[in-house]
């Protein structure tokens, strides 16, 4: 019986810590691609996330892919 109570207490503690910590939440995500006449693809990605403590993080990423020339 004592073992079951200990297991229940440990499980409850882990579950409570997960609820209190939380996780990041994606507020917005935008992706934009453009293709130039020479076949080059430029992709811009913007993401805004909110952490569990309320701080907001903005991330911008730009990728450029050039076509393979024979």
Protein backbone atom coordinates (compact mmCIF):
# COMPACT_ATOMS: atom_id res chain seq x y z
CA UNK A 1 0.00 0.00 0.00
CA UNK A 2 2.83 2.42 0.85
CA UNK A 3 4.43 1.73 -2.54
CA UNK A 4 1.24 2.70 -4.38
CA UNK A 5 1.03 5.95 -2.43
CA UNK A 6 4.67 6.77 -3.22
CA UNK A 7 4.13 6.08 -6.92
CA UNK A 8 0.99 8.21 -6.94
CA UNK A 9 2.80 11.07 -5.19
CA UNK A 10 5.75 10.95 -7.63
CA UNK A 11 3.43 10.82 -10.65
CA UNK A 12 1.45 13.78 -9.34
CA UNK A 13 4.63 15.79 -8.76
CA UNK A 14 5.84 15.16 -12.31
CA UNK A 15 2.44 16.05 -13.80
CA UNK A 16 2.24 19.24 -11.76
CA UNK A 17 5.73 20.35 -12.79
CA UNK A 18 4.84 19.89 -16.47
CA UNK A 19 1.70 21.98 -16.04
CA UNK A 20 3.56 24.76 -14.24
CA UNK A 21 6.47 24.94 -16.67
CA UNK A 22 4.40 24.82 -19.85
CA UNK A 23 5.89 25.13 -23.29
CA UNK A 24 6.50 27.67 -26.03
CA UNK A 25 3.48 28.78 -28.06
CA UNK A 26 3.75 29.81 -31.70
CA UNK A 27 1.92 33.13 -32.09
CA UNK A 28 2.49 33.55 -35.83
CA UNK A 29 4.38 31.88 -38.65
CA UNK A 30 4.86 33.37 -42.12
CA UNK A 31 6.76 31.89 -45.06
CA UNK A 32 7.31 33.73 -48.35
CA UNK A 33 9.11 32.37 -51.44
CA UNK A 34 10.09 34.20 -54.61
CA UNK A 35 11.58 32.75 -57.80
CA UNK A 36 13.82 34.92 -59.98
CA UNK A 37 14.14 34.60 -63.75
CA UNK A 38 17.47 32.73 -63.43
CA UNK A 39 15.82 30.01 -61.29
CA UNK A 40 17.10 31.23 -57.93
CA UNK A 41 14.61 30.66 -55.10
CA UNK A 42 14.65 33.00 -52.10
CA UNK A 43 12.64 31.93 -49.04
CA UNK A 44 11.95 34.17 -46.04
CA UNK A 45 10.51 32.68 -42.86
CA UNK A 46 9.30 34.71 -39.86
CA UNK A 47 8.17 33.11 -36.61
CA UNK A 48 6.94 34.73 -33.39
CA UNK A 49 6.82 32.54 -30.28
CA UNK A 50 5.77 33.25 -26.71
CA UNK A 51 7.55 31.46 -23.89
CA UNK A 52 5.77 30.24 -20.78
CA UNK A 53 7.12 33.21 -18.78
CA UNK A 54 5.52 35.69 -21.22
CA UNK A 55 8.60 36.77 -23.20
CA UNK A 56 8.15 37.08 -26.96
CA UNK A 57 10.84 35.89 -29.39
CA UNK A 58 10.91 36.91 -33.08
CA UNK A 59 12.94 34.75 -35.47
CA UNK A 60 13.72 35.57 -39.11
CA UNK A 61 15.43 33.16 -41.47
CA UNK A 62 16.37 33.69 -45.12
CA UNK A 63 17.40 30.89 -47.47
CA UNK A 64 18.69 31.22 -51.02
CA UNK A 65 18.77 28.23 -53.36
CA UNK A 66 20.48 28.51 -56.71
CA UNK A 67 19.78 26.11 -59.58
CA UNK A 68 22.40 23.56 -60.55
CA UNK A 69 24.28 24.68 -63.65
CA UNK A 70 25.22 21.96 -66.18
